[in-house]
Amino acid sequence: MGFLDAILGRTKVKQPARDRLFAMSTAYITLETSLGLKHRDAAGIVFQPLATADFNSIVKDTDDLLRSAAKDTGTTVESKDDEFGYHWIILRDNEFEDLVVSLNVVSSNLEGGGYGERLLCAVFSFEDAGKPLYFIYNFKRGAYYPFVPTGDKSRDTEHELRLKAQIGPELPMEQELERWFPLWEIPL
């Protein structure tokens, strides 16, 4: 922020560190070994599409790149639009690191094309005693939060807070609980 900005009361919003997405590549080991969670071989990234040729070209090129790399990594790639108009790229792979790298490819390509603000979140799927739970990375905040759905539009907030306390030192966690937005009907 410059001197003139300070006088006029303007502030620049600090952009989140995009490399925080990679924190999950090591934190998942703690999630599995110390907390007994199991990753479900699936992750996804969701963004708001834009009906422009440039944006569609970036998404198509990214999809082509993911599918080409999938031949070497064994990752499967699928796309889906949800009922709210958001676009999901869903990845399945038994190598957790491949999921993290693939999600980073998508986010980097959208950001590199000038569409980083269209990114909503990345979602990592785990299970605890056979029940699904998710770690959601909010791109705009540069932070993770747990989401533990328990049924039709209900969640286990107590379990989420426990997870935050247990994994917080290893992941950049969202500190404002009101920003722990639920994502219902996650297609993972």
C-alpha atoms as a PDB file:
ATOM      1  CA  MET A   1       0.000   0.000   0.000  1.00  0.00           C
ATOM      2  CA  GLY A   2       1.365   3.361  -1.009  1.00  0.00           C
ATOM      3  CA  PHE A   3       1.338   6.709   0.773  1.00  0.00           C
ATOM      4  CA  LEU A   4      -1.536   8.078  -1.347  1.00  0.00           C
ATOM      5  CA  ASP A   5      -3.604   4.948  -0.710  1.00  0.00           C
ATOM      6  CA  ALA A   6      -3.150   5.444   3.048  1.00  0.00           C
ATOM      7  CA  ILE A   7      -4.257   9.086   2.868  1.00  0.00           C
ATOM      8  CA  LEU A   8      -7.325   8.265   0.746  1.00  0.00           C
ATOM      9  CA  GLY A   9      -8.275   5.299   2.926  1.00  0.00           C
ATOM     10  CA  ARG A  10      -7.827   2.710   0.195  1.00  0.00           C
ATOM     11  CA  THR A  11      -6.495  -0.676   1.100  1.00  0.00           C
ATOM     12  CA  LYS A  12      -5.255  -3.491  -1.040  1.00  0.00           C
ATOM     13  CA  VAL A  13      -6.611  -6.896  -0.263  1.00  0.00           C
ATOM     14  CA  LYS A  14      -3.820  -9.350   0.387  1.00  0.00           C
ATOM     15  CA  GLN A  15      -4.024 -12.258  -2.029  1.00  0.00           C
ATOM     16  CA  PRO A  16      -3.871 -15.709  -0.440  1.00  0.00           C
ATOM     17  CA  ALA A  17      -0.741 -17.770  -0.971  1.00  0.00           C
ATOM     18  CA  ARG A  18      -1.665 -20.228  -3.712  1.00  0.00           C
ATOM     19  CA  ASP A  19       0.994 -22.712  -2.615  1.00  0.00           C
ATOM     20  CA  ARG A  20      -1.079 -23.435   0.496  1.00  0.00           C
ATOM     21  CA  LEU A  21      -2.995 -25.973  -1.572  1.00  0.00           C
ATOM     22  CA  PHE A  22       0.117 -28.169  -1.411  1.00  0.00           C
ATOM     23  CA  ALA A  23      -0.030 -28.299   2.398  1.00  0.00           C
ATOM     24  CA  MET A  24      -2.527 -31.127   2.007  1.00  0.00           C
ATOM     25  CA  SER A  25       0.114 -33.322   0.338  1.00  0.00           C
ATOM     26  CA  THR A  26       1.826 -33.791   3.714  1.00  0.00           C
ATOM     27  CA  ALA A  27      -1.117 -33.237   6.069  1.00  0.00           C
ATOM     28  CA  TYR A  28      -2.974 -36.230   4.645  1.00  0.00           C
ATOM     29  CA  ILE A  29      -0.329 -38.509   6.167  1.00  0.00           C
ATOM     30  CA  THR A  30      -1.228 -37.194   9.626  1.00  0.00           C
ATOM     31  CA  LEU A  31      -4.920 -37.470   8.802  1.00  0.00           C
ATOM     32  CA  GLU A  32      -4.457 -41.150   7.968  1.00  0.00           C
ATOM     33  CA  THR A  33      -1.861 -42.258  10.510  1.00  0.00           C
ATOM     34  CA  SER A  34      -2.717 -40.181  13.576  1.00  0.00           C
ATOM     35  CA  LEU A  35      -6.436 -39.578  13.103  1.00  0.00           C
ATOM     36  CA  GLY A  36      -7.409 -42.820  11.386  1.00  0.00           C
ATOM     37  CA  LEU A  37      -9.024 -41.155   8.384  1.00  0.00           C
ATOM     38  CA  LYS A  38      -8.770 -42.760   4.966  1.00  0.00           C
ATOM     39  CA  HIS A  39      -8.555 -40.755   1.758  1.00  0.00           C
ATOM     40  CA  ARG A  40     -11.206 -41.824  -0.725  1.00  0.00           C
ATOM     41  CA  ASP A  41      -9.044 -41.629  -3.878  1.00  0.00           C
ATOM     42  CA  ALA A  42     -11.029 -38.604  -5.065  1.00  0.00           C
ATOM     43  CA  ALA A  43     -10.707 -34.844  -5.113  1.00  0.00           C
ATOM     44  CA  GLY A  44     -12.341 -32.046  -7.024  1.00  0.00           C
ATOM     45  CA  ILE A  45     -12.105 -28.423  -7.895  1.00  0.00           C
ATOM     46  CA  VAL A  46     -15.102 -26.216  -8.470  1.00  0.00           C
ATOM     47  CA  PHE A  47     -15.295 -22.888 -10.247  1.00  0.00           C
ATOM     48  CA  GLN A  48     -17.829 -20.545 -11.749  1.00  0.00           C
ATOM     49  CA  PRO A  49     -17.709 -20.876 -15.533  1.00  0.00           C
ATOM     50  CA  LEU A  50     -17.751 -17.874 -17.802  1.00  0.00           C
ATOM     51  CA  ALA A  51     -19.301 -17.964 -21.262  1.00  0.00           C
ATOM     52  CA  THR A  52     -16.366 -16.515 -23.180  1.00  0.00           C
ATOM     53  CA  ALA A  53     -14.227 -18.145 -25.838  1.00  0.00           C
ATOM     54  CA  ASP A  54     -11.038 -17.389 -23.898  1.00  0.00           C
ATOM     55  CA  PHE A  55     -12.301 -18.944 -20.670  1.00  0.00           C
ATOM     56  CA  ASN A  56     -13.694 -21.992 -22.466  1.00  0.00           C
ATOM     57  CA  SER A  57     -10.384 -22.416 -24.278  1.00  0.00           C
ATOM     58  CA  ILE A  58      -8.444 -22.397 -20.989  1.00  0.00           C
ATOM     59  CA  VAL A  59     -10.810 -24.956 -19.455  1.00  0.00           C
ATOM     60  CA  LYS A  60     -10.594 -27.192 -22.541  1.00  0.00           C
ATOM     61  CA  ASP A  61      -6.791 -26.944 -22.663  1.00  0.00           C
ATOM     62  CA  THR A  62      -6.609 -27.756 -18.947  1.00  0.00           C
ATOM     63  CA  ASP A  63      -8.910 -30.730 -19.398  1.00  0.00           C
ATOM     64  CA  ASP A  64      -6.804 -31.968 -22.320  1.00  0.00           C
ATOM     65  CA  LEU A  65      -3.632 -31.567 -20.250  1.00  0.00           C
ATOM     66  CA  LEU A  66      -5.131 -33.485 -17.314  1.00  0.00           C
ATOM     67  CA  ARG A  67      -6.342 -36.300 -19.561  1.00  0.00           C
ATOM     68  CA  SER A  68      -2.952 -36.513 -21.271  1.00  0.00           C
ATOM     69  CA  ALA A  69      -1.112 -36.674 -17.933  1.00  0.00           C
ATOM     70  CA  ALA A  70      -3.662 -39.211 -16.698  1.00  0.00           C
ATOM     71  CA  LYS A  71      -2.216 -41.745 -19.109  1.00  0.00           C
ATOM     72  CA  ASP A  72       0.990 -41.700 -17.042  1.00  0.00           C
ATOM     73  CA  THR A  73      -0.484 -41.265 -13.563  1.00  0.00           C
ATOM     74  CA  GLY A  74      -3.624 -43.365 -13.821  1.00  0.00           C
ATOM     75  CA  THR A  75      -5.814 -40.455 -12.774  1.00  0.00           C
ATOM     76  CA  THR A  76      -9.348 -40.428 -14.132  1.00  0.00           C
ATOM     77  CA  VAL A  77     -10.889 -37.078 -14.989  1.00  0.00           C
ATOM     78  CA  GLU A  78     -14.547 -36.188 -15.214  1.00  0.00           C
ATOM     79  CA  SER A  79     -16.454 -32.930 -15.453  1.00  0.00           C
ATOM     80  CA  LYS A  80     -19.841 -32.053 -14.065  1.00  0.00           C
ATOM     81  CA  ASP A  81     -22.012 -28.981 -13.718  1.00  0.00           C
ATOM     82  CA  ASP A  82     -23.996 -28.716 -10.504  1.00  0.00           C
ATOM     83  CA  GLU A  83     -27.466 -27.348  -9.907  1.00  0.00           C
ATOM     84  CA  PHE A  84     -26.055 -23.939  -8.923  1.00  0.00           C
ATOM     85  CA  GLY A  85     -24.241 -23.410 -12.225  1.00  0.00           C
ATOM     86  CA  TYR A  86     -20.756 -24.239 -10.951  1.00  0.00           C
ATOM     87  CA  HIS A  87     -18.415 -26.517 -12.889  1.00  0.00           C
ATOM     88  CA  TRP A  88     -16.639 -29.399 -11.149  1.00  0.00           C
ATOM     89  CA  ILE A  89     -13.528 -31.188 -12.353  1.00  0.00           C
ATOM     90  CA  ILE A  90     -13.446 -34.464 -10.476  1.00  0.00           C
ATOM     91  CA  LEU A  91     -10.256 -36.484 -10.209  1.00  0.00           C
ATOM     92  CA  ARG A  92      -9.848 -40.062  -9.031  1.00  0.00           C
ATOM     93  CA  ASP A  93      -6.481 -41.615  -8.258  1.00  0.00           C
ATOM     94  CA  ASN A  94      -5.159 -43.901  -5.536  1.00  0.00           C
ATOM     95  CA  GLU A  95      -1.987 -41.756  -5.296  1.00  0.00           C
ATOM     96  CA  PHE A  96      -2.939 -38.783  -3.143  1.00  0.00           C
ATOM     97  CA  GLU A  97      -0.057 -36.623  -4.391  1.00  0.00           C
ATOM     98  CA  ASP A  98      -1.330 -36.972  -7.977  1.00  0.00           C
ATOM     99  CA  LEU A  99      -4.665 -35.511  -6.871  1.00  0.00           C
ATOM    100  CA  VAL A 100      -2.994 -32.499  -5.245  1.00  0.00           C
ATOM    101  CA  VAL A 101      -0.789 -31.841  -8.280  1.00  0.00           C
ATOM    102  CA  SER A 102      -3.727 -32.166 -10.699  1.00  0.00           C
ATOM    103  CA  LEU A 103      -5.839 -29.712  -8.700  1.00  0.00           C
ATOM    104  CA  ASN A 104      -2.929 -27.300  -8.745  1.00  0.00           C
ATOM    105  CA  VAL A 105      -2.706 -27.625 -12.553  1.00  0.00           C
ATOM    106  CA  VAL A 106      -6.343 -26.558 -12.871  1.00  0.00           C
ATOM    107  CA  SER A 107      -6.051 -23.639 -10.459  1.00  0.00           C
ATOM    108  CA  SER A 108      -2.743 -22.456 -11.970  1.00  0.00           C
ATOM    109  CA  ASN A 109      -4.145 -22.503 -15.507  1.00  0.00           C
ATOM    110  CA  LEU A 110      -7.232 -20.508 -14.523  1.00  0.00           C
ATOM    111  CA  GLU A 111      -5.152 -18.029 -12.537  1.00  0.00           C
ATOM    112  CA  GLY A 112      -2.577 -17.759 -15.326  1.00  0.00           C
ATOM    113  CA  GLY A 113      -5.361 -16.927 -17.768  1.00  0.00           C
ATOM    114  CA  GLY A 114      -6.618 -14.144 -15.490  1.00  0.00           C
ATOM    115  CA  TYR A 115      -9.590 -16.095 -14.123  1.00  0.00           C
ATOM    116  CA  GLY A 116      -8.401 -16.887 -10.605  1.00  0.00           C
ATOM    117  CA  GLU A 117     -11.388 -15.058  -9.134  1.00  0.00           C
ATOM    118  CA  ARG A 118     -13.657 -17.703 -10.718  1.00  0.00           C
ATOM    119  CA  LEU A 119     -12.171 -20.436  -8.489  1.00  0.00           C
ATOM    120  CA  LEU A 120     -14.414 -21.408  -5.605  1.00  0.00           C
ATOM    121  CA  CYS A 121     -12.640 -24.256  -3.822  1.00  0.00           C
ATOM    122  CA  ALA A 122     -10.784 -27.556  -3.962  1.00  0.00           C
ATOM    123  CA  VAL A 123     -12.260 -30.511  -2.104  1.00  0.00           C
ATOM    124  CA  PHE A 124     -10.397 -33.515  -0.706  1.00  0.00           C
ATOM    125  CA  SER A 125     -12.504 -36.527   0.187  1.00  0.00           C
ATOM    126  CA  PHE A 126     -11.844 -38.695   3.249  1.00  0.00           C
ATOM    127  CA  GLU A 127     -13.835 -41.101   5.358  1.00  0.00           C
ATOM    128  CA  ASP A 128     -14.017 -41.794   9.060  1.00  0.00           C
ATOM    129  CA  ALA A 129     -15.504 -45.159  10.047  1.00  0.00           C
ATOM    130  CA  GLY A 130     -17.075 -45.422   6.583  1.00  0.00           C
ATOM    131  CA  LYS A 131     -18.688 -41.959   6.704  1.00  0.00           C
ATOM    132  CA  PRO A 132     -17.564 -39.219   4.311  1.00  0.00           C
ATOM    133  CA  LEU A 133     -15.856 -36.048   5.420  1.00  0.00           C
ATOM    134  CA  TYR A 134     -14.120 -33.394   3.412  1.00  0.00           C
ATOM    135  CA  PHE A 135     -11.350 -30.861   3.678  1.00  0.00           C
ATOM    136  CA  ILE A 136     -12.238 -27.815   1.637  1.00  0.00           C
ATOM    137  CA  TYR A 137      -9.646 -25.326   0.423  1.00  0.00           C
ATOM    138  CA  ASN A 138     -11.143 -21.885  -0.153  1.00  0.00           C
ATOM    139  CA  PHE A 139      -9.041 -20.193  -2.853  1.00  0.00           C
ATOM    140  CA  LYS A 140     -10.163 -16.684  -1.966  1.00  0.00           C
ATOM    141  CA  ARG A 141      -9.145 -17.125   1.673  1.00  0.00           C
ATOM    142  CA  GLY A 142      -6.114 -19.379   1.133  1.00  0.00           C
ATOM    143  CA  ALA A 143      -7.273 -21.644   3.951  1.00  0.00           C
ATOM    144  CA  TYR A 144      -8.775 -25.053   4.645  1.00  0.00           C
ATOM    145  CA  TYR A 145     -11.704 -26.099   6.769  1.00  0.00           C
ATOM    146  CA  PRO A 146     -13.253 -29.493   7.500  1.00  0.00           C
ATOM    147  CA  PHE A 147     -16.797 -30.333   6.472  1.00  0.00           C
ATOM    148  CA  VAL A 148     -18.549 -33.350   8.004  1.00  0.00           C
ATOM    149  CA  PRO A 149     -22.023 -33.874   6.538  1.00  0.00           C
ATOM    150  CA  THR A 150     -24.324 -36.118   8.561  1.00  0.00           C
ATOM    151  CA  GLY A 151     -27.415 -36.286   6.413  1.00  0.00           C
ATOM    152  CA  ASP A 152     -29.827 -34.124   4.515  1.00  0.00           C
ATOM    153  CA  LYS A 153     -28.458 -30.582   4.959  1.00  0.00           C
ATOM    154  CA  SER A 154     -26.983 -31.269   8.405  1.00  0.00           C
ATOM    155  CA  ARG A 155     -23.404 -31.377   9.604  1.00  0.00           C
ATOM    156  CA  ASP A 156     -21.375 -32.453  12.637  1.00  0.00           C
ATOM    157  CA  THR A 157     -19.889 -29.153  13.787  1.00  0.00           C
ATOM    158  CA  GLU A 158     -18.348 -30.710  16.884  1.00  0.00           C
ATOM    159  CA  HIS A 159     -16.401 -33.204  14.739  1.00  0.00           C
ATOM    160  CA  GLU A 160     -15.306 -30.369  12.442  1.00  0.00           C
ATOM    161  CA  LEU A 161     -13.929 -28.385  15.391  1.00  0.00           C
ATOM    162  CA  ARG A 162     -12.122 -31.459  16.700  1.00  0.00           C
ATOM    163  CA  LEU A 163     -10.517 -31.974  13.278  1.00  0.00           C
ATOM    164  CA  LYS A 164      -9.449 -28.327  13.191  1.00  0.00           C
ATOM    165  CA  ALA A 165      -7.754 -28.703  16.573  1.00  0.00           C
ATOM    166  CA  GLN A 166      -6.064 -31.956  15.576  1.00  0.00           C
ATOM    167  CA  ILE A 167      -4.737 -30.969  12.140  1.00  0.00           C
ATOM    168  CA  GLY A 168      -4.559 -27.183  12.538  1.00  0.00           C
ATOM    169  CA  PRO A 169      -0.789 -27.017  13.025  1.00  0.00           C
ATOM    170  CA  GLU A 170      -0.217 -28.741   9.657  1.00  0.00           C
ATOM    171  CA  LEU A 171      -2.789 -26.998   7.480  1.00  0.00           C
ATOM    172  CA  PRO A 172      -3.532 -23.294   7.067  1.00  0.00           C
ATOM    173  CA  MET A 173      -6.980 -23.355   8.673  1.00  0.00           C
ATOM    174  CA  GLU A 174      -9.752 -20.817   8.216  1.00  0.00           C
ATOM    175  CA  GLN A 175     -10.014 -19.082  11.584  1.00  0.00           C
ATOM    176  CA  GLU A 176     -13.407 -17.443  10.986  1.00  0.00           C
ATOM    177  CA  LEU A 177     -15.907 -20.249  11.574  1.00  0.00           C
ATOM    178  CA  GLU A 178     -18.680 -18.360   9.782  1.00  0.00           C
ATOM    179  CA  ARG A 179     -16.665 -18.900   6.591  1.00  0.00           C
ATOM    180  CA  TRP A 180     -16.861 -22.697   6.916  1.00  0.00           C
ATOM    181  CA  PHE A 181     -19.459 -22.904   4.166  1.00  0.00           C
ATOM    182  CA  PRO A 182     -21.173 -26.255   3.683  1.00  0.00           C
ATOM    183  CA  LEU A 183     -21.064 -27.843   0.246  1.00  0.00           C
ATOM    184  CA  TRP A 184     -24.058 -30.107  -0.060  1.00  0.00           C
ATOM    185  CA  GLU A 185     -24.120 -32.930  -2.597  1.00  0.00           C
ATOM    186  CA  ILE A 186     -20.388 -33.001  -3.289  1.00  0.00           C
ATOM    187  CA  PRO A 187     -19.972 -35.252  -6.364  1.00  0.00           C
ATOM    188  CA  LEU A 188     -16.943 -37.177  -5.000  1.00  0.00           C
END
